[in-house]
C-alpha atoms as a PDB file:
ATOM      1  CA  MET A   1      92.536  71.619  83.668  1.00  0.00           C
ATOM      2  CA  THR A   2      91.482  74.483  81.137  1.00  0.00           C
ATOM      3  CA  SER A   3      94.390  76.249  79.425  1.00  0.00           C
ATOM      4  CA  ILE A   4      94.284  80.216  79.869  1.00  0.00           C
ATOM      5  CA  THR A   5      95.228  81.202  76.474  1.00  0.00           C
ATOM      6  CA  ALA A   6      96.226  85.092  75.582  1.00  0.00           C
ATOM      7  CA  SER A   7      93.353  85.920  74.075  1.00  0.00           C
ATOM      8  CA  MET A   8      91.117  84.569  76.954  1.00  0.00           C
ATOM      9  CA  VAL A   9      93.543  87.144  79.081  1.00  0.00           C
ATOM     10  CA  LYS A  10      92.854  90.039  77.084  1.00  0.00           C
ATOM     11  CA  GLU A  11      89.204  89.478  76.558  1.00  0.00           C
ATOM     12  CA  LEU A  12      89.188  89.587  80.416  1.00  0.00           C
ATOM     13  CA  ARG A  13      90.550  93.024  80.524  1.00  0.00           C
ATOM     14  CA  GLU A  14      88.952  94.534  78.042  1.00  0.00           C
ATOM     15  CA  ARG A  15      85.910  93.704  79.838  1.00  0.00           C
ATOM     16  CA  THR A  16      86.695  94.501  83.273  1.00  0.00           C
ATOM     17  CA  GLY A  17      89.858  97.080  82.530  1.00  0.00           C
ATOM     18  CA  LEU A  18      91.869  95.742  84.815  1.00  0.00           C
ATOM     19  CA  GLY A  19      96.164  94.279  84.792  1.00  0.00           C
ATOM     20  CA  MET A  20      96.637  91.214  82.836  1.00  0.00           C
ATOM     21  CA  MET A  21      97.903  89.767  86.054  1.00  0.00           C
ATOM     22  CA  ASP A  22      95.001  89.757  87.933  1.00  0.00           C
ATOM     23  CA  CYS A  23      92.840  88.721  84.786  1.00  0.00           C
ATOM     24  CA  LYS A  24      95.218  85.663  84.083  1.00  0.00           C
ATOM     25  CA  LYS A  25      94.867  84.497  88.123  1.00  0.00           C
ATOM     26  CA  ALA A  26      91.060  85.003  87.839  1.00  0.00           C
ATOM     27  CA  LEU A  27      90.612  83.070  85.424  1.00  0.00           C
ATOM     28  CA  SER A  28      93.278  80.208  86.548  1.00  0.00           C
ATOM     29  CA  GLU A  29      90.770  80.452  89.863  1.00  0.00           C
ATOM     30  CA  ALA A  30      88.087  80.103  88.059  1.00  0.00           C
ATOM     31  CA  GLY A  31      89.111  77.247  85.605  1.00  0.00           C
ATOM     32  CA  GLY A  32      88.880  79.271  82.700  1.00  0.00           C
ATOM     33  CA  ASP A  33      85.257  80.374  83.034  1.00  0.00           C
ATOM     34  CA  MET A  34      85.087  83.921  81.847  1.00  0.00           C
ATOM     35  CA  GLU A  35      81.993  84.583  83.521  1.00  0.00           C
ATOM     36  CA  LYS A  36      82.925  83.460  86.685  1.00  0.00           C
ATOM     37  CA  ALA A  37      86.054  84.844  86.612  1.00  0.00           C
ATOM     38  CA  ILE A  38      84.541  88.133  85.935  1.00  0.00           C
ATOM     39  CA  GLU A  39      81.570  87.714  88.890  1.00  0.00           C
ATOM     40  CA  ASP A  40      84.810  86.913  91.136  1.00  0.00           C
ATOM     41  CA  LEU A  41      86.533  90.222  90.072  1.00  0.00           C
ATOM     42  CA  ARG A  42      83.170  91.996  90.939  1.00  0.00           C
ATOM     43  CA  LYS A  43      83.099  90.254  94.322  1.00  0.00           C
ATOM     44  CA  ALA A  44      86.774  91.255  94.989  1.00  0.00           C
ATOM     45  CA  SER A  45      86.926  94.903  93.740  1.00  0.00           C
ATOM     46  CA  GLY A  46      84.771  96.480  96.756  1.00  0.00           C
ATOM     47  CA  LEU A  47      87.189  94.843  98.835  1.00  0.00           C
ATOM     48  CA  LYS A  48      90.070  96.506  96.074  1.00  0.00           C
ATOM     49  CA  ALA A  49      89.305  99.579  96.505  1.00  0.00           C
ATOM     50  CA  ALA A  50      88.679  99.638 100.419  1.00  0.00           C
ATOM     51  CA  LYS A  51      92.381  98.489 100.471  1.00  0.00           C
ATOM     52  CA  LYS A  52      93.363 101.469  98.448  1.00  0.00           C
ATOM     53  CA  ALA A  53      91.325 104.125  99.985  1.00  0.00           C
ATOM     54  CA  SER A  54      93.929 104.474 102.859  1.00  0.00           C
ATOM     55  CA  ARG A  55      96.569 105.291 100.099  1.00  0.00           C
ATOM     56  CA  VAL A  56      97.467 109.053  99.771  1.00  0.00           C
ATOM     57  CA  ALA A  57      95.832 110.805  96.888  1.00  0.00           C
ATOM     58  CA  ALA A  58      97.621 114.670  96.902  1.00  0.00           C
ATOM     59  CA  GLU A  59      97.610 114.977  93.008  1.00  0.00           C
ATOM     60  CA  GLY A  60      94.249 115.187  91.042  1.00  0.00           C
ATOM     61  CA  VAL A  61      92.711 118.524  89.274  1.00  0.00           C
ATOM     62  CA  VAL A  62      90.165 121.376  89.716  1.00  0.00           C
ATOM     63  CA  MET A  63      87.453 122.105  87.439  1.00  0.00           C
ATOM     64  CA  ALA A  64      84.513 124.792  87.481  1.00  0.00           C
ATOM     65  CA  LYS A  65      81.211 124.897  85.908  1.00  0.00           C
ATOM     66  CA  ILE A  66      79.664 128.456  86.303  1.00  0.00           C
ATOM     67  CA  SER A  67      75.395 128.501  84.433  1.00  0.00           C
ATOM     68  CA  GLY A  68      74.160 130.120  81.486  1.00  0.00           C
ATOM     69  CA  ASP A  69      73.010 133.296  83.019  1.00  0.00           C
ATOM     70  CA  GLY A  70      75.702 133.666  84.992  1.00  0.00           C
ATOM     71  CA  ASN A  71      74.407 133.724  89.128  1.00  0.00           C
ATOM     72  CA  ARG A  72      75.578 130.382  90.274  1.00  0.00           C
ATOM     73  CA  GLY A  73      78.918 128.156  90.492  1.00  0.00           C
ATOM     74  CA  VAL A  74      80.628 125.627  91.209  1.00  0.00           C
ATOM     75  CA  ILE A  75      84.109 124.566  92.164  1.00  0.00           C
ATOM     76  CA  ILE A  76      85.523 121.107  92.593  1.00  0.00           C
ATOM     77  CA  GLU A  77      88.371 119.098  93.584  1.00  0.00           C
ATOM     78  CA  VAL A  78      88.781 115.303  92.973  1.00  0.00           C
ATOM     79  CA  ASN A  79      92.418 113.886  93.397  1.00  0.00           C
ATOM     80  CA  SER A  80      94.383 110.127  92.675  1.00  0.00           C
ATOM     81  CA  GLU A  81      97.195 109.058  93.723  1.00  0.00           C
ATOM     82  CA  THR A  82      99.538 110.353  90.885  1.00  0.00           C
ATOM     83  CA  ASP A  83      99.897 112.995  88.302  1.00  0.00           C
ATOM     84  CA  PHE A  84      99.673 110.424  85.528  1.00  0.00           C
ATOM     85  CA  VAL A  85      96.594 109.602  86.376  1.00  0.00           C
ATOM     86  CA  ALA A  86      95.115 112.595  86.608  1.00  0.00           C
ATOM     87  CA  ARG A  87      95.912 112.460  83.182  1.00  0.00           C
ATOM     88  CA  ASP A  88      93.611 109.947  82.180  1.00  0.00           C
ATOM     89  CA  GLU A  89      90.890 110.222  79.757  1.00  0.00           C
ATOM     90  CA  ASN A  90      88.922 108.142  82.567  1.00  0.00           C
ATOM     91  CA  PHE A  91      89.736 110.363  85.486  1.00  0.00           C
ATOM     92  CA  LEU A  92      89.010 112.982  83.652  1.00  0.00           C
ATOM     93  CA  ARG A  93      85.796 111.717  82.582  1.00  0.00           C
ATOM     94  CA  PHE A  94      84.863 110.781  86.339  1.00  0.00           C
ATOM     95  CA  VAL A  95      85.012 114.249  87.259  1.00  0.00           C
ATOM     96  CA  SER A  96      83.428 115.462  84.894  1.00  0.00           C
ATOM     97  CA  GLU A  97      80.651 113.514  85.891  1.00  0.00           C
ATOM     98  CA  ALA A  98      81.111 114.630  89.200  1.00  0.00           C
ATOM     99  CA  LEU A  99      81.280 117.814  88.533  1.00  0.00           C
ATOM    100  CA  GLU A 100      78.109 117.876  86.343  1.00  0.00           C
ATOM    101  CA  ILE A 101      76.048 116.069  89.795  1.00  0.00           C
ATOM    102  CA  ALA A 102      77.622 118.595  91.922  1.00  0.00           C
ATOM    103  CA  TYR A 103      76.336 121.258  89.613  1.00  0.00           C
ATOM    104  CA  ASN A 104      73.046 120.125  89.491  1.00  0.00           C
ATOM    105  CA  GLU A 105      73.003 119.793  93.407  1.00  0.00           C
ATOM    106  CA  ASN A 106      71.470 122.213  95.904  1.00  0.00           C
ATOM    107  CA  GLU A 107      74.111 121.808  98.062  1.00  0.00           C
ATOM    108  CA  ALA A 108      77.734 121.464  98.619  1.00  0.00           C
ATOM    109  CA  SER A 109      78.663 118.519 100.316  1.00  0.00           C
ATOM    110  CA  VAL A 110      81.097 114.897  99.182  1.00  0.00           C
ATOM    111  CA  GLU A 111      78.413 112.739 100.862  1.00  0.00           C
ATOM    112  CA  VAL A 112      75.668 113.743  99.215  1.00  0.00           C
ATOM    113  CA  LEU A 113      77.369 114.096  95.625  1.00  0.00           C
ATOM    114  CA  LEU A 114      78.870 110.414  96.366  1.00  0.00           C
ATOM    115  CA  SER A 115      74.852 109.417  96.946  1.00  0.00           C
ATOM    116  CA  LYS A 116      74.134 110.140  94.392  1.00  0.00           C
ATOM    117  CA  GLY A 117      75.045 107.150  92.270  1.00  0.00           C
ATOM    118  CA  LEU A 118      78.554 108.542  91.831  1.00  0.00           C
ATOM    119  CA  GLU A 119      80.170 106.107  94.667  1.00  0.00           C
ATOM    120  CA  GLU A 120      80.024 102.947  92.500  1.00  0.00           C
ATOM    121  CA  SER A 121      81.417 104.906  89.134  1.00  0.00           C
ATOM    122  CA  ARG A 122      83.831 105.763  91.904  1.00  0.00           C
ATOM    123  CA  GLN A 123      84.862 102.398  92.991  1.00  0.00           C
ATOM    124  CA  ALA A 124      84.723 101.415  89.324  1.00  0.00           C
ATOM    125  CA  LEU A 125      87.507 103.506  88.455  1.00  0.00           C
ATOM    126  CA  VAL A 126      89.835 102.384  91.276  1.00  0.00           C
ATOM    127  CA  GLN A 127      89.490  98.663  90.380  1.00  0.00           C
ATOM    128  CA  LYS A 128      89.959  99.749  86.667  1.00  0.00           C
ATOM    129  CA  ILE A 129      93.067 102.353  87.257  1.00  0.00           C
ATOM    130  CA  GLY A 130      94.551 100.835  90.383  1.00  0.00           C
ATOM    131  CA  GLU A 131      94.709 103.770  92.413  1.00  0.00           C
ATOM    132  CA  ASN A 132      92.580 105.340  94.931  1.00  0.00           C
ATOM    133  CA  ILE A 133      90.481 108.187  93.757  1.00  0.00           C
ATOM    134  CA  SER A 134      88.894 110.700  96.085  1.00  0.00           C
ATOM    135  CA  VAL A 135      86.155 113.723  95.919  1.00  0.00           C
ATOM    136  CA  ARG A 136      88.148 115.814  98.237  1.00  0.00           C
ATOM    137  CA  ARG A 137      85.653 119.171  98.432  1.00  0.00           C
ATOM    138  CA  ILE A 138      83.319 121.371  96.850  1.00  0.00           C
ATOM    139  CA  GLU A 139      81.877 124.810  97.093  1.00  0.00           C
ATOM    140  CA  ARG A 140      78.714 126.926  95.810  1.00  0.00           C
ATOM    141  CA  LEU A 141      78.377 130.327  95.424  1.00  0.00           C
ATOM    142  CA  ASN A 142      74.909 132.029  93.522  1.00  0.00           C
ATOM    143  CA  PHE A 143      72.539 134.730  93.758  1.00  0.00           C
ATOM    144  CA  GLU A 144      68.990 134.368  93.342  1.00  0.00           C
ATOM    145  CA  ASN A 145      68.967 135.830  90.069  1.00  0.00           C
ATOM    146  CA  ALA A 146      71.279 137.587  87.280  1.00  0.00           C
ATOM    147  CA  ASN A 147      70.153 140.955  88.661  1.00  0.00           C
ATOM    148  CA  GLN A 148      71.715 140.500  92.229  1.00  0.00           C
ATOM    149  CA  GLY A 149      75.241 139.700  90.794  1.00  0.00           C
ATOM    150  CA  ILE A 150      77.239 137.285  89.104  1.00  0.00           C
ATOM    151  CA  VAL A 151      79.579 134.586  89.704  1.00  0.00           C
ATOM    152  CA  GLU A 152      82.798 133.547  87.379  1.00  0.00           C
ATOM    153  CA  SER A 153      85.348 131.130  87.085  1.00  0.00           C
ATOM    154  CA  TYR A 154      89.082 130.989  86.262  1.00  0.00           C
ATOM    155  CA  VAL A 155      91.117 127.117  86.176  1.00  0.00           C
ATOM    156  CA  HIS A 156      94.304 127.721  85.105  1.00  0.00           C
ATOM    157  CA  ASN A 157      95.416 125.388  81.963  1.00  0.00           C
ATOM    158  CA  ASN A 158      96.964 122.858  83.765  1.00  0.00           C
ATOM    159  CA  GLY A 159      94.021 121.579  86.314  1.00  0.00           C
ATOM    160  CA  LYS A 160      95.145 122.416  89.290  1.00  0.00           C
ATOM    161  CA  ILE A 161      94.452 125.673  90.861  1.00  0.00           C
ATOM    162  CA  GLY A 162      90.967 126.927  90.164  1.00  0.00           C
ATOM    163  CA  VAL A 163      88.960 129.865  91.762  1.00  0.00           C
ATOM    164  CA  LEU A 164      84.968 130.577  92.189  1.00  0.00           C
ATOM    165  CA  ILE A 165      84.123 134.311  92.558  1.00  0.00           C
ATOM    166  CA  SER A 166      81.142 136.483  93.369  1.00  0.00           C
ATOM    167  CA  LEU A 167      80.543 140.142  92.461  1.00  0.00           C
ATOM    168  CA  LYS A 168      78.026 142.660  93.056  1.00  0.00           C
ATOM    169  CA  GLY A 169      78.102 145.144  90.104  1.00  0.00           C
ATOM    170  CA  GLY A 170      81.197 145.100  87.281  1.00  0.00           C
ATOM    171  CA  ASP A 171      80.828 142.349  84.216  1.00  0.00           C
ATOM    172  CA  GLU A 172      82.112 138.798  83.683  1.00  0.00           C
ATOM    173  CA  ALA A 173      85.518 140.637  82.359  1.00  0.00           C
ATOM    174  CA  LEU A 174      86.405 142.119  85.527  1.00  0.00           C
ATOM    175  CA  ALA A 175      85.180 139.000  87.841  1.00  0.00           C
ATOM    176  CA  ARG A 176      87.580 136.774  85.213  1.00  0.00           C
ATOM    177  CA  ASP A 177      90.053 138.902  85.921  1.00  0.00           C
ATOM    178  CA  ILE A 178      89.972 139.102  89.430  1.00  0.00           C
ATOM    179  CA  ALA A 179      89.988 135.269  89.769  1.00  0.00           C
ATOM    180  CA  MET A 180      93.208 135.034  87.906  1.00  0.00           C
ATOM    181  CA  HIS A 181      94.895 137.487  90.262  1.00  0.00           C
ATOM    182  CA  ILE A 182      93.113 134.929  92.995  1.00  0.00           C
ATOM    183  CA  ALA A 183      94.533 132.118  91.324  1.00  0.00           C
ATOM    184  CA  ALA A 184      98.485 133.865  90.603  1.00  0.00           C
ATOM    185  CA  VAL A 185      98.685 135.561  94.175  1.00  0.00           C
ATOM    186  CA  ASN A 186      96.354 133.354  96.611  1.00  0.00           C
ATOM    187  CA  PRO A 187      95.329 136.379  98.983  1.00  0.00           C
ATOM    188  CA  LEU A 188      94.197 134.729 102.571  1.00  0.00           C
ATOM    189  CA  VAL A 189      91.118 137.093 102.870  1.00  0.00           C
ATOM    190  CA  VAL A 190      88.833 139.488 100.661  1.00  0.00           C
ATOM    191  CA  ARG A 191      89.523 142.737 103.287  1.00  0.00           C
ATOM    192  CA  PRO A 192      91.595 143.441 105.938  1.00  0.00           C
ATOM    193  CA  GLU A 193      89.368 143.566 108.373  1.00  0.00           C
ATOM    194  CA  ASP A 194      88.579 139.785 107.721  1.00  0.00           C
ATOM    195  CA  VAL A 195      91.813 138.347 108.895  1.00  0.00           C
ATOM    196  CA  PRO A 196      91.317 136.147 111.939  1.00  0.00           C
ATOM    197  CA  GLU A 197      92.356 137.277 114.879  1.00  0.00           C
ATOM    198  CA  ASP A 198      94.292 133.800 115.465  1.00  0.00           C
ATOM    199  CA  VAL A 199      96.793 134.448 112.525  1.00  0.00           C
ATOM    200  CA  LEU A 200      97.228 138.449 113.525  1.00  0.00           C
ATOM    201  CA  ALA A 201      97.788 136.836 117.164  1.00  0.00           C
ATOM    202  CA  LYS A 202     100.510 134.480 115.325  1.00  0.00           C
ATOM    203  CA  GLU A 203     102.217 136.452 113.658  1.00  0.00           C
ATOM    204  CA  SER A 204     101.896 139.829 116.148  1.00  0.00           C
ATOM    205  CA  GLU A 205     103.986 136.640 118.361  1.00  0.00           C
ATOM    206  CA  ILE A 206     106.499 135.601 115.320  1.00  0.00           C
ATOM    207  CA  TYR A 207     107.398 139.925 114.511  1.00  0.00           C
ATOM    208  CA  ALA A 208     107.970 140.732 118.606  1.00  0.00           C
ATOM    209  CA  ALA A 209     110.748 138.043 118.906  1.00  0.00           C
ATOM    210  CA  GLN A 210     112.490 139.472 115.622  1.00  0.00           C
ATOM    211  CA  ALA A 211     111.711 143.004 116.851  1.00  0.00           C
ATOM    212  CA  ARG A 212     113.277 142.146 120.034  1.00  0.00           C
ATOM    213  CA  GLU A 213     116.669 140.857 118.587  1.00  0.00           C
ATOM    214  CA  SER A 214     117.224 144.301 117.046  1.00  0.00           C
ATOM    215  CA  GLY A 215     118.332 145.618 120.681  1.00  0.00           C
ATOM    216  CA  LYS A 216     116.778 148.430 120.049  1.00  0.00           C
ATOM    217  CA  PRO A 217     113.979 150.335 122.716  1.00  0.00           C
ATOM    218  CA  ASP A 218     110.466 149.068 123.674  1.00  0.00           C
ATOM    219  CA  GLU A 219     108.800 151.637 121.930  1.00  0.00           C
ATOM    220  CA  ILE A 220     110.514 151.918 119.008  1.00  0.00           C
ATOM    221  CA  VAL A 221     109.618 147.355 118.988  1.00  0.00           C
ATOM    222  CA  GLU A 222     106.144 147.920 119.064  1.00  0.00           C
ATOM    223  CA  LYS A 223     106.062 150.718 116.103  1.00  0.00           C
ATOM    224  CA  MET A 224     108.135 147.969 114.302  1.00  0.00           C
ATOM    225  CA  ILE A 225     105.607 145.065 115.459  1.00  0.00           C
ATOM    226  CA  SER A 226     102.658 147.508 114.288  1.00  0.00           C
ATOM    227  CA  GLY A 227     104.719 148.353 111.425  1.00  0.00           C
ATOM    228  CA  ARG A 228     105.188 144.698 110.456  1.00  0.00           C
ATOM    229  CA  LEU A 229     101.607 143.590 110.871  1.00  0.00           C
ATOM    230  CA  ARG A 230     100.321 146.565 108.952  1.00  0.00           C
ATOM    231  CA  LYS A 231     102.109 144.664 105.986  1.00  0.00           C
ATOM    232  CA  PHE A 232     101.280 141.477 106.100  1.00  0.00           C
ATOM    233  CA  VAL A 233      97.371 142.513 106.703  1.00  0.00           C
ATOM    234  CA  SER A 234      97.934 144.691 103.203  1.00  0.00           C
ATOM    235  CA  GLU A 235      99.664 141.698 101.721  1.00  0.00           C
ATOM    236  CA  VAL A 236      96.900 138.798 102.455  1.00  0.00           C
ATOM    237  CA  SER A 237      94.316 141.191 101.719  1.00  0.00           C
ATOM    238  CA  LEU A 238      92.712 140.985  98.450  1.00  0.00           C
ATOM    239  CA  LEU A 239      91.742 144.715  98.027  1.00  0.00           C
ATOM    240  CA  GLU A 240      94.880 145.760  98.854  1.00  0.00           C
ATOM    241  CA  GLN A 241      96.764 143.841  96.426  1.00  0.00           C
ATOM    242  CA  GLN A 242      98.518 144.998  93.006  1.00  0.00           C
ATOM    243  CA  PHE A 243      96.773 143.934  90.510  1.00  0.00           C
ATOM    244  CA  VAL A 244      98.829 141.218  88.563  1.00  0.00           C
ATOM    245  CA  LYS A 245      97.911 143.018  85.255  1.00  0.00           C
ATOM    246  CA  ASP A 246      98.518 146.344  86.094  1.00  0.00           C
ATOM    247  CA  PRO A 247     100.494 146.914  89.256  1.00  0.00           C
ATOM    248  CA  GLU A 248      99.611 150.507  89.437  1.00  0.00           C
ATOM    249  CA  SER A 249      95.956 149.486  90.040  1.00  0.00           C
ATOM    250  CA  THR A 250      94.704 147.941  93.248  1.00  0.00           C
ATOM    251  CA  ILE A 251      91.765 145.372  93.061  1.00  0.00           C
ATOM    252  CA  ARG A 252      90.284 147.509  95.325  1.00  0.00           C
ATOM    253  CA  ASP A 253      90.626 150.846  92.548  1.00  0.00           C
ATOM    254  CA  LEU A 254      89.250 148.369  90.239  1.00  0.00           C
ATOM    255  CA  LEU A 255      85.987 147.340  91.816  1.00  0.00           C
ATOM    256  CA  ALA A 256      86.044 151.403  92.659  1.00  0.00           C
ATOM    257  CA  GLU A 257      86.270 152.223  89.056  1.00  0.00           C
ATOM    258  CA  VAL A 258      82.664 150.501  88.355  1.00  0.00           C
ATOM    259  CA  GLY A 259      81.017 150.501  91.651  1.00  0.00           C
ATOM    260  CA  ALA A 260      81.830 146.811  92.300  1.00  0.00           C
ATOM    261  CA  ASP A 261      81.929 144.978  94.972  1.00  0.00           C
ATOM    262  CA  ILE A 262      83.628 141.143  96.155  1.00  0.00           C
ATOM    263  CA  VAL A 263      80.992 139.311  98.099  1.00  0.00           C
ATOM    264  CA  GLN A 264      83.067 136.097  98.224  1.00  0.00           C
ATOM    265  CA  PHE A 265      85.835 133.917  96.578  1.00  0.00           C
ATOM    266  CA  VAL A 266      87.062 130.360  97.021  1.00  0.00           C
ATOM    267  CA  ARG A 267      90.592 129.141  95.167  1.00  0.00           C
ATOM    268  CA  TYR A 268      91.292 125.679  95.067  1.00  0.00           C
ATOM    269  CA  GLU A 269      94.835 124.365  94.802  1.00  0.00           C
ATOM    270  CA  VAL A 270      95.494 120.710  94.035  1.00  0.00           C
ATOM    271  CA  GLY A 271      96.682 118.751  97.362  1.00  0.00           C
ATOM    272  CA  GLU A 272      96.976 121.653  99.346  1.00  0.00           C
ATOM    273  CA  GLY A 273      96.656 120.617 103.315  1.00  0.00           C
ATOM    274  CA  ILE A 274      97.522 116.952 102.535  1.00  0.00           C
ATOM    275  CA  GLU A 275     100.820 115.252 103.888  1.00  0.00           C
ATOM    276  CA  LYS A 276     102.546 113.548 100.862  1.00  0.00           C
ATOM    277  CA  GLU A 277     103.995 110.268 101.865  1.00  0.00           C
ATOM    278  CA  GLU A 278     107.794 110.367 101.230  1.00  0.00           C
ATOM    279  CA  GLU A 279     108.070 106.647  99.806  1.00  0.00           C
ATOM    280  CA  ASP A 280     111.616 104.937  99.615  1.00  0.00           C
ATOM    281  CA  PHE A 281     110.940 103.106  95.743  1.00  0.00           C
ATOM    282  CA  ALA A 282     114.453 101.135  96.190  1.00  0.00           C
ATOM    283  CA  ALA A 283     113.554  99.778  99.524  1.00  0.00           C
ATOM    284  CA  GLU A 284     110.046  98.757  98.385  1.00  0.00           C
ATOM    285  CA  VAL A 285     111.538  96.804  95.800  1.00  0.00           C
ATOM    286  CA  ALA A 286     113.863  95.571  98.008  1.00  0.00           C
ATOM    287  CA  ALA A 287     111.468  94.479  99.942  1.00  0.00           C
ATOM    288  CA  GLN A 288     108.953  92.744  97.213  1.00  0.00           C
ATOM    289  CA  LEU A 289     111.993  90.783  95.915  1.00  0.00           C
ATOM    290  CA  ASN A 290     112.747  89.368  99.129  1.00  0.00           C
ATOM    291  CA  SER A 291     108.657  88.611 100.240  1.00  0.00           C
END
């Protein structure tokens, strides 16, 4: 039987990017045949990626790209299981590749993105780093030409929050300032009239329950509910919010000064809406020791 040396394991690790134990096991099962070990690992890579796909990926980064003429842009969120991997250069390179493909495509579809050769890259990365990687979502904003409006982006320096915004009128500086405001304040909609009816109904129900506990007459209770609803709508509507860099002005004021208008915005925050698994690491280690 061929002896498996440290140099053989090192070479296989360098050629595959896999862990030491995986490489040592593959070489042992292949009788020391390097090429067969690589072939066996390649055959197993699809299965390995599929198994990891069930694990929750709620960390990661947001990236955005704007065209040179400023009339179109794209934003993307790609997730990993841990923040450690989200800072890995291989992961960031994959996200940049995904962003470039998304930028060059005419539709914001994860399925289309993966079909453009990115799925192979994703599975190879999963195999290399040992974590599930998920291209979660993509959004595009665009005008037919630069004269119609501008698209701008802002991604916070930690890569966890990103905003894409489209404006008619104004300039890149104004668009970026508002994008930064959106990242910080997280408005729900652009205009008060955009707040969904189901959201209003839910808030109204909550305020009604709170108001009735006061024991005040019904007519006073109704006024309390209406007042709180108006305040809520104002707080979640971008145009009504006080600008974070100048609380004396609202976003509506900023736009009015230059005759600009917000068409749409997209705000991504890494992992929002994903239910993270709470792991008991002590129990996990104990289970492994007893297996």
